[in-house]
Amino acid sequence: MDANQALNELLIGRLKPGVYQWRIPPTPSAVGDTGWTERARAAGWRAYHLDGRRARDKDAFLRLCAEVFAFPATFGGDWDAMEECLTDLSWAPARNGYLVLYESWAELAETDQRSFRTVLDIFAKAVEMWRETPTPMTVLLSNVGVEVAGVPRLA
């Protein structure tokens, strides 16, 4: 199954929500392509794009998440607060689900492996919490050649 077909299957509910690697075709415009957000929104999903080029350490990643997810002003700026916010999202209702695309994740993985593994754990917990609700969450780790050990491929 190619990346576009996999995304369609996910958006219509044929694929189980989860944290996946999503192998997009290697093209000059692959990073930063936002066509997926329009498809997600049209299907009733709230879409979030994390540009990992802006987050090479824990603090930068937490700031990026606070901005992209529009965390409440009470966000504590640590891992526990991030997990609490991602398992709440009451300020960001979705009709059919939440879709997070984390591009350029290798920036954090290469410079702060421990923080990257923590991020994966937090995403996995959030996905699990939302899985059996009417608005499941899926996190896609975009890759164009580099893979994350232990994370299944969507496409």
N, C-alpha and C. Protein backbone atom coordinates (compact mmCIF):
# COMPACT_ATOMS: atom_id res chain seq x y z
N MET A 1 0.85 -1.17 0.00
CA MET A 1 0.00 0.00 0.00
C MET A 1 0.91 1.24 0.00
N ASP A 2 0.59 2.20 -0.87
CA ASP A 2 1.41 3.41 -0.90
C ASP A 2 0.93 4.40 0.16
N ALA A 3 1.70 5.47 0.35
CA ALA A 3 1.44 6.44 1.42
C ALA A 3 0.07 7.09 1.29
N ASN A 4 -0.33 7.45 0.08
CA ASN A 4 -1.62 8.11 -0.11
C ASN A 4 -2.78 7.16 0.20
N GLN A 5 -2.68 5.94 -0.28
CA GLN A 5 -3.73 4.95 -0.01
C GLN A 5 -3.80 4.66 1.49
N ALA A 6 -2.65 4.54 2.15
CA ALA A 6 -2.62 4.28 3.59
C ALA A 6 -3.30 5.41 4.35
N LEU A 7 -3.02 6.64 3.97
CA LEU A 7 -3.65 7.78 4.64
C LEU A 7 -5.17 7.74 4.43
N ASN A 8 -5.61 7.45 3.22
CA ASN A 8 -7.05 7.35 2.97
C ASN A 8 -7.69 6.27 3.83
N GLU A 9 -7.06 5.11 3.93
CA GLU A 9 -7.58 4.00 4.74
C GLU A 9 -7.67 4.40 6.22
N LEU A 10 -6.68 5.13 6.67
CA LEU A 10 -6.68 5.60 8.06
C LEU A 10 -7.83 6.58 8.29
N LEU A 11 -7.99 7.54 7.40
CA LEU A 11 -9.00 8.58 7.57
C LEU A 11 -10.43 8.05 7.52
N ILE A 12 -10.65 6.96 6.81
CA ILE A 12 -12.01 6.41 6.75
C ILE A 12 -12.23 5.31 7.81
N GLY A 13 -11.22 5.07 8.63
CA GLY A 13 -11.38 4.17 9.75
C GLY A 13 -11.10 2.70 9.48
N ARG A 14 -10.49 2.40 8.35
CA ARG A 14 -10.16 1.00 8.04
C ARG A 14 -8.86 0.53 8.67
N LEU A 15 -8.04 1.48 9.11
CA LEU A 15 -6.78 1.14 9.76
C LEU A 15 -6.85 1.57 11.21
N LYS A 16 -6.30 0.75 12.07
CA LYS A 16 -6.29 1.00 13.51
C LYS A 16 -5.44 2.23 13.83
N PRO A 17 -5.94 3.14 14.66
CA PRO A 17 -5.14 4.29 15.07
C PRO A 17 -3.86 3.83 15.77
N GLY A 18 -2.80 4.59 15.63
CA GLY A 18 -1.55 4.24 16.27
C GLY A 18 -0.46 5.25 16.00
N VAL A 19 0.74 4.90 16.39
CA VAL A 19 1.94 5.66 16.05
C VAL A 19 2.62 4.86 14.95
N TYR A 20 2.76 5.49 13.79
CA TYR A 20 3.28 4.80 12.62
C TYR A 20 4.38 5.61 11.93
N GLN A 21 5.21 4.88 11.23
CA GLN A 21 6.10 5.52 10.27
C GLN A 21 5.30 5.63 8.97
N TRP A 22 5.42 6.76 8.34
CA TRP A 22 4.68 7.01 7.10
C TRP A 22 5.69 7.39 6.04
N ARG A 23 6.00 6.47 5.18
CA ARG A 23 7.02 6.69 4.17
C ARG A 23 6.42 7.43 2.98
N ILE A 24 6.76 8.70 2.93
CA ILE A 24 6.27 9.51 1.82
C ILE A 24 7.24 9.40 0.66
N PRO A 25 6.75 9.55 -0.56
CA PRO A 25 7.64 9.45 -1.72
C PRO A 25 8.72 10.52 -1.66
N PRO A 26 10.00 10.15 -1.95
CA PRO A 26 11.08 11.14 -1.91
C PRO A 26 10.99 12.11 -3.09
N THR A 27 10.48 13.29 -2.81
CA THR A 27 10.39 14.34 -3.82
C THR A 27 10.97 15.62 -3.23
N PRO A 28 11.37 16.55 -4.09
CA PRO A 28 11.95 17.79 -3.56
C PRO A 28 11.03 18.53 -2.60
N SER A 29 9.71 18.37 -2.75
CA SER A 29 8.78 19.11 -1.88
C SER A 29 8.21 18.24 -0.77
N ALA A 30 8.79 17.06 -0.52
CA ALA A 30 8.21 16.13 0.46
C ALA A 30 8.11 16.75 1.84
N VAL A 31 9.17 17.33 2.35
CA VAL A 31 9.12 17.95 3.67
C VAL A 31 8.36 19.26 3.55
N GLY A 32 7.38 19.42 4.41
CA GLY A 32 6.59 20.65 4.39
C GLY A 32 5.37 20.57 3.49
N ASP A 33 5.13 19.46 2.80
CA ASP A 33 3.94 19.30 1.98
C ASP A 33 2.74 19.24 2.90
N THR A 34 1.76 20.10 2.69
CA THR A 34 0.61 20.15 3.59
C THR A 34 -0.66 19.61 2.96
N GLY A 35 -0.58 18.93 1.82
CA GLY A 35 -1.76 18.36 1.19
C GLY A 35 -2.48 17.38 2.10
N TRP A 36 -1.72 16.70 2.94
CA TRP A 36 -2.31 15.72 3.87
C TRP A 36 -3.24 16.40 4.86
N THR A 37 -2.91 17.66 5.25
CA THR A 37 -3.76 18.36 6.23
C THR A 37 -5.13 18.64 5.64
N GLU A 38 -5.16 19.04 4.38
CA GLU A 38 -6.43 19.31 3.72
C GLU A 38 -7.27 18.05 3.63
N ARG A 39 -6.65 16.92 3.31
CA ARG A 39 -7.36 15.65 3.24
C ARG A 39 -7.91 15.26 4.61
N ALA A 40 -7.09 15.44 5.64
CA ALA A 40 -7.53 15.11 7.00
C ALA A 40 -8.70 15.99 7.42
N ARG A 41 -8.58 17.27 7.19
CA ARG A 41 -9.66 18.19 7.57
C ARG A 41 -10.95 17.90 6.81
N ALA A 42 -10.83 17.58 5.54
CA ALA A 42 -12.02 17.25 4.74
C ALA A 42 -12.70 16.00 5.28
N ALA A 43 -11.94 15.11 5.90
CA ALA A 43 -12.49 13.88 6.47
C ALA A 43 -12.93 14.07 7.93
N GLY A 44 -12.87 15.30 8.43
CA GLY A 44 -13.33 15.58 9.79
C GLY A 44 -12.28 15.37 10.87
N TRP A 45 -11.04 15.27 10.48
CA TRP A 45 -9.95 15.10 11.45
C TRP A 45 -9.28 16.44 11.70
N ARG A 46 -8.87 16.66 12.93
CA ARG A 46 -8.07 17.85 13.26
C ARG A 46 -6.62 17.47 13.01
N ALA A 47 -5.94 18.25 12.17
CA ALA A 47 -4.58 17.92 11.75
C ALA A 47 -3.56 18.85 12.41
N TYR A 48 -2.46 18.24 12.82
CA TYR A 48 -1.35 18.98 13.44
C TYR A 48 -0.05 18.61 12.73
N HIS A 49 0.74 19.62 12.44
CA HIS A 49 2.02 19.41 11.75
C HIS A 49 3.16 19.85 12.66
N LEU A 50 3.98 18.90 13.07
CA LEU A 50 5.17 19.20 13.88
C LEU A 50 6.38 19.19 12.96
N ASP A 51 6.99 20.33 12.78
CA ASP A 51 8.19 20.45 11.95
C ASP A 51 9.40 20.28 12.85
N GLY A 52 9.95 19.07 12.86
CA GLY A 52 11.08 18.75 13.73
C GLY A 52 12.34 19.54 13.47
N ARG A 53 12.41 20.23 12.35
CA ARG A 53 13.59 21.07 12.09
C ARG A 53 13.68 22.20 13.11
N ARG A 54 12.56 22.46 13.79
CA ARG A 54 12.52 23.52 14.80
C ARG A 54 12.74 23.00 16.21
N ALA A 55 13.00 21.68 16.35
CA ALA A 55 13.07 21.10 17.70
C ALA A 55 14.21 20.09 17.80
N ARG A 56 15.37 20.56 18.21
CA ARG A 56 16.53 19.68 18.32
C ARG A 56 16.85 19.29 19.76
N ASP A 57 16.01 19.76 20.71
CA ASP A 57 16.20 19.36 22.10
C ASP A 57 14.84 19.40 22.80
N LYS A 58 14.83 18.93 24.03
CA LYS A 58 13.59 18.81 24.80
C LYS A 58 12.83 20.13 24.87
N ASP A 59 13.49 21.19 25.29
CA ASP A 59 12.81 22.47 25.47
C ASP A 59 12.22 22.99 24.16
N ALA A 60 12.97 22.87 23.08
CA ALA A 60 12.48 23.33 21.78
C ALA A 60 11.29 22.49 21.34
N PHE A 61 11.33 21.18 21.60
CA PHE A 61 10.21 20.33 21.22
C PHE A 61 8.97 20.69 22.02
N LEU A 62 9.12 20.89 23.30
CA LEU A 62 7.96 21.26 24.13
C LEU A 62 7.37 22.60 23.69
N ARG A 63 8.23 23.56 23.34
CA ARG A 63 7.73 24.86 22.85
C ARG A 63 6.98 24.66 21.52
N LEU A 64 7.54 23.83 20.64
CA LEU A 64 6.89 23.56 19.36
C LEU A 64 5.51 22.96 19.58
N CYS A 65 5.42 21.98 20.46
CA CYS A 65 4.12 21.35 20.74
C CYS A 65 3.14 22.34 21.33
N ALA A 66 3.59 23.16 22.26
CA ALA A 66 2.71 24.16 22.88
C ALA A 66 2.12 25.07 21.80
N GLU A 67 2.95 25.45 20.83
CA GLU A 67 2.50 26.32 19.75
C GLU A 67 1.57 25.58 18.79
N VAL A 68 1.98 24.44 18.29
CA VAL A 68 1.22 23.72 17.26
C VAL A 68 -0.12 23.22 17.79
N PHE A 69 -0.13 22.66 19.00
CA PHE A 69 -1.37 22.15 19.57
C PHE A 69 -2.17 23.24 20.29
N ALA A 70 -1.62 24.44 20.37
CA ALA A 70 -2.26 25.56 21.07
C ALA A 70 -2.64 25.15 22.49
N PHE A 71 -1.65 24.60 23.22
CA PHE A 71 -1.88 24.19 24.60
C PHE A 71 -2.38 25.38 25.41
N PRO A 72 -3.20 25.11 26.41
CA PRO A 72 -3.70 26.20 27.27
C PRO A 72 -2.55 26.93 27.97
N ALA A 73 -2.84 28.13 28.40
CA ALA A 73 -1.83 28.95 29.08
C ALA A 73 -1.30 28.28 30.34
N THR A 74 -2.04 27.33 30.87
CA THR A 74 -1.63 26.62 32.08
C THR A 74 -0.62 25.51 31.80
N PHE A 75 -0.26 25.30 30.54
CA PHE A 75 0.71 24.26 30.17
C PHE A 75 2.00 24.46 30.96
N GLY A 76 2.41 23.40 31.65
CA GLY A 76 3.56 23.48 32.54
C GLY A 76 4.91 23.40 31.87
N GLY A 77 4.97 23.08 30.60
CA GLY A 77 6.25 23.09 29.89
C GLY A 77 7.15 21.91 30.20
N ASP A 78 6.57 20.78 30.62
CA ASP A 78 7.40 19.59 30.86
C ASP A 78 6.69 18.38 30.24
N TRP A 79 7.33 17.22 30.33
CA TRP A 79 6.78 16.01 29.69
C TRP A 79 5.42 15.64 30.27
N ASP A 80 5.26 15.71 31.58
CA ASP A 80 3.98 15.36 32.19
C ASP A 80 2.86 16.27 31.69
N ALA A 81 3.15 17.54 31.59
CA ALA A 81 2.16 18.50 31.12
C ALA A 81 1.79 18.24 29.66
N MET A 82 2.79 17.88 28.85
CA MET A 82 2.52 17.56 27.46
C MET A 82 1.59 16.35 27.36
N GLU A 83 1.88 15.32 28.13
CA GLU A 83 1.03 14.13 28.12
C GLU A 83 -0.40 14.47 28.55
N GLU A 84 -0.53 15.27 29.61
CA GLU A 84 -1.86 15.67 30.09
C GLU A 84 -2.62 16.44 29.01
N CYS A 85 -1.93 17.33 28.33
CA CYS A 85 -2.60 18.11 27.28
C CYS A 85 -3.03 17.23 26.11
N LEU A 86 -2.16 16.31 25.69
CA LEU A 86 -2.50 15.46 24.55
C LEU A 86 -3.60 14.45 24.86
N THR A 87 -3.80 14.16 26.13
CA THR A 87 -4.90 13.25 26.48
C THR A 87 -6.16 14.01 26.89
N ASP A 88 -6.13 15.32 26.77
CA ASP A 88 -7.29 16.16 27.07
C ASP A 88 -7.85 16.74 25.76
N LEU A 89 -7.17 17.70 25.18
CA LEU A 89 -7.56 18.36 23.93
C LEU A 89 -8.99 18.92 23.94
N SER A 90 -9.52 19.23 25.12
CA SER A 90 -10.88 19.77 25.21
C SER A 90 -11.00 21.12 24.51
N TRP A 91 -9.92 21.84 24.37
CA TRP A 91 -9.93 23.15 23.70
C TRP A 91 -9.86 22.99 22.17
N ALA A 92 -9.69 21.76 21.69
CA ALA A 92 -9.52 21.52 20.26
C ALA A 92 -10.40 20.35 19.81
N PRO A 93 -11.72 20.51 19.86
CA PRO A 93 -12.58 19.39 19.50
C PRO A 93 -12.40 18.97 18.04
N ALA A 94 -12.57 17.68 17.81
CA ALA A 94 -12.47 17.13 16.46
C ALA A 94 -13.73 16.32 16.18
N ARG A 95 -14.14 16.27 14.93
CA ARG A 95 -15.33 15.52 14.57
C ARG A 95 -15.03 14.02 14.49
N ASN A 96 -13.92 13.65 13.80
CA ASN A 96 -13.63 12.23 13.57
C ASN A 96 -12.30 11.75 14.13
N GLY A 97 -11.41 12.65 14.52
CA GLY A 97 -10.14 12.21 15.06
C GLY A 97 -9.07 13.28 15.01
N TYR A 98 -7.91 12.91 15.55
CA TYR A 98 -6.74 13.79 15.59
C TYR A 98 -5.62 13.12 14.82
N LEU A 99 -5.02 13.86 13.92
CA LEU A 99 -3.91 13.34 13.13
C LEU A 99 -2.71 14.26 13.31
N VAL A 100 -1.61 13.67 13.75
CA VAL A 100 -0.37 14.41 13.98
C VAL A 100 0.67 13.90 13.00
N LEU A 101 1.26 14.79 12.24
CA LEU A 101 2.38 14.43 11.37
C LEU A 101 3.63 15.07 11.95
N TYR A 102 4.57 14.23 12.32
CA TYR A 102 5.84 14.70 12.88
C TYR A 102 6.91 14.50 11.82
N GLU A 103 7.25 15.59 11.15
CA GLU A 103 8.28 15.57 10.11
C GLU A 103 9.63 15.93 10.71
N SER A 104 10.67 15.45 10.07
CA SER A 104 12.05 15.75 10.47
C SER A 104 12.30 15.37 11.93
N TRP A 105 11.70 14.28 12.37
CA TRP A 105 11.89 13.79 13.74
C TRP A 105 13.34 13.39 14.00
N ALA A 106 14.07 13.09 12.95
CA ALA A 106 15.47 12.68 13.12
C ALA A 106 16.32 13.78 13.74
N GLU A 107 15.90 15.03 13.61
CA GLU A 107 16.63 16.14 14.24
C GLU A 107 16.73 15.91 15.75
N LEU A 108 15.62 15.57 16.38
CA LEU A 108 15.61 15.32 17.82
C LEU A 108 16.25 13.97 18.13
N ALA A 109 15.94 12.97 17.32
CA ALA A 109 16.48 11.62 17.57
C ALA A 109 18.01 11.61 17.54
N GLU A 110 18.60 12.40 16.68
CA GLU A 110 20.06 12.43 16.55
C GLU A 110 20.73 13.25 17.64
N THR A 111 20.07 14.29 18.10
CA THR A 111 20.71 15.17 19.08
C THR A 111 20.33 14.88 20.53
N ASP A 112 19.16 14.24 20.73
CA ASP A 112 18.69 13.97 22.10
C ASP A 112 17.83 12.71 22.08
N GLN A 113 18.51 11.57 21.98
CA GLN A 113 17.82 10.28 21.87
C GLN A 113 16.84 10.03 23.01
N ARG A 114 17.24 10.39 24.21
CA ARG A 114 16.36 10.17 25.37
C ARG A 114 15.06 10.95 25.24
N SER A 115 15.15 12.20 24.85
CA SER A 115 13.93 13.01 24.65
C SER A 115 13.08 12.44 23.53
N PHE A 116 13.71 11.99 22.46
CA PHE A 116 12.95 11.42 21.34
C PHE A 116 12.18 10.19 21.80
N ARG A 117 12.79 9.33 22.57
CA ARG A 117 12.10 8.14 23.08
C ARG A 117 10.95 8.53 24.02
N THR A 118 11.15 9.58 24.80
CA THR A 118 10.08 10.08 25.67
C THR A 118 8.91 10.57 24.83
N VAL A 119 9.21 11.29 23.75
CA VAL A 119 8.17 11.78 22.84
C VAL A 119 7.36 10.60 22.29
N LEU A 120 8.06 9.55 21.85
CA LEU A 120 7.36 8.38 21.32
C LEU A 120 6.46 7.75 22.37
N ASP A 121 6.95 7.67 23.61
CA ASP A 121 6.15 7.10 24.70
C ASP A 121 4.90 7.95 24.96
N ILE A 122 5.06 9.26 24.97
CA ILE A 122 3.92 10.15 25.22
C ILE A 122 2.90 10.04 24.09
N PHE A 123 3.37 10.03 22.85
CA PHE A 123 2.45 9.86 21.73
C PHE A 123 1.71 8.52 21.83
N ALA A 124 2.42 7.46 22.18
CA ALA A 124 1.79 6.14 22.30
C ALA A 124 0.71 6.15 23.38
N LYS A 125 0.97 6.80 24.50
CA LYS A 125 -0.03 6.88 25.57
C LYS A 125 -1.25 7.69 25.13
N ALA A 126 -1.02 8.79 24.43
CA ALA A 126 -2.13 9.61 23.95
C ALA A 126 -2.96 8.83 22.93
N VAL A 127 -2.31 8.15 22.01
CA VAL A 127 -3.02 7.35 21.01
C VAL A 127 -3.86 6.29 21.70
N GLU A 128 -3.29 5.62 22.69
CA GLU A 128 -4.02 4.58 23.42
C GLU A 128 -5.24 5.16 24.13
N MET A 129 -5.08 6.33 24.75
CA MET A 129 -6.20 6.95 25.46
C MET A 129 -7.34 7.29 24.49
N TRP A 130 -7.02 7.77 23.30
CA TRP A 130 -8.04 8.19 22.34
C TRP A 130 -8.58 7.04 21.49
N ARG A 131 -7.91 5.90 21.49
CA ARG A 131 -8.21 4.81 20.56
C ARG A 131 -9.68 4.38 20.54
N GLU A 132 -10.29 4.20 21.66
CA GLU A 132 -11.67 3.69 21.72
C GLU A 132 -12.72 4.79 21.81
N THR A 133 -12.34 6.00 21.50
CA THR A 133 -13.29 7.12 21.51
C THR A 133 -13.76 7.39 20.08
N PRO A 134 -14.78 8.23 19.92
CA PRO A 134 -15.21 8.59 18.57
C PRO A 134 -14.18 9.44 17.82
N THR A 135 -13.17 9.92 18.55
CA THR A 135 -12.15 10.77 17.93
C THR A 135 -10.75 10.20 18.21
N PRO A 136 -10.39 9.11 17.54
CA PRO A 136 -9.08 8.51 17.79
C PRO A 136 -7.94 9.43 17.34
N MET A 137 -6.75 9.14 17.84
CA MET A 137 -5.56 9.89 17.46
C MET A 137 -4.58 8.95 16.76
N THR A 138 -3.96 9.47 15.72
CA THR A 138 -2.88 8.76 15.05
C THR A 138 -1.73 9.74 14.89
N VAL A 139 -0.52 9.22 15.11
CA VAL A 139 0.69 10.01 14.93
C VAL A 139 1.49 9.35 13.82
N LEU A 140 1.84 10.15 12.82
CA LEU A 140 2.65 9.67 11.70
C LEU A 140 4.04 10.28 11.78
N LEU A 141 5.04 9.43 11.80
CA LEU A 141 6.43 9.88 11.76
C LEU A 141 6.85 9.81 10.31
N SER A 142 6.89 10.95 9.68
CA SER A 142 7.22 11.01 8.26
C SER A 142 8.68 10.60 8.06
N ASN A 143 8.89 9.76 7.06
CA ASN A 143 10.28 9.43 6.76
C ASN A 143 10.48 9.34 5.27
N VAL A 144 11.66 9.68 4.86
CA VAL A 144 12.05 9.58 3.46
C VAL A 144 13.32 8.74 3.35
N GLY A 145 13.46 7.77 4.22
CA GLY A 145 14.60 6.87 4.16
C GLY A 145 15.08 6.42 5.51
N VAL A 146 14.99 7.27 6.52
CA VAL A 146 15.43 6.91 7.87
C VAL A 146 14.24 6.29 8.58
N GLU A 147 14.48 5.23 9.34
CA GLU A 147 13.39 4.56 10.04
C GLU A 147 13.62 4.56 11.55
N VAL A 148 12.53 4.42 12.29
CA VAL A 148 12.57 4.37 13.75
C VAL A 148 12.39 2.91 14.17
N ALA A 149 13.34 2.38 14.88
CA ALA A 149 13.25 1.00 15.36
C ALA A 149 12.05 0.85 16.29
N GLY A 150 11.27 -0.20 16.08
CA GLY A 150 10.15 -0.50 16.94
C GLY A 150 8.85 0.22 16.63
N VAL A 151 8.85 1.06 15.60
CA VAL A 151 7.62 1.77 15.21
C VAL A 151 7.14 1.17 13.89
N PRO A 152 5.92 0.62 13.87
CA PRO A 152 5.42 -0.01 12.64
C PRO A 152 5.22 0.99 11.51
N ARG A 153 5.26 0.48 10.30
CA ARG A 153 5.04 1.32 9.12
C ARG A 153 3.57 1.34 8.73
N LEU A 154 3.08 2.51 8.41
CA LEU A 154 1.74 2.64 7.85
C LEU A 154 1.85 2.41 6.34
N ALA A 155 2.89 2.95 5.77
CA ALA A 155 3.15 2.78 4.34
C ALA A 155 4.64 2.87 4.11
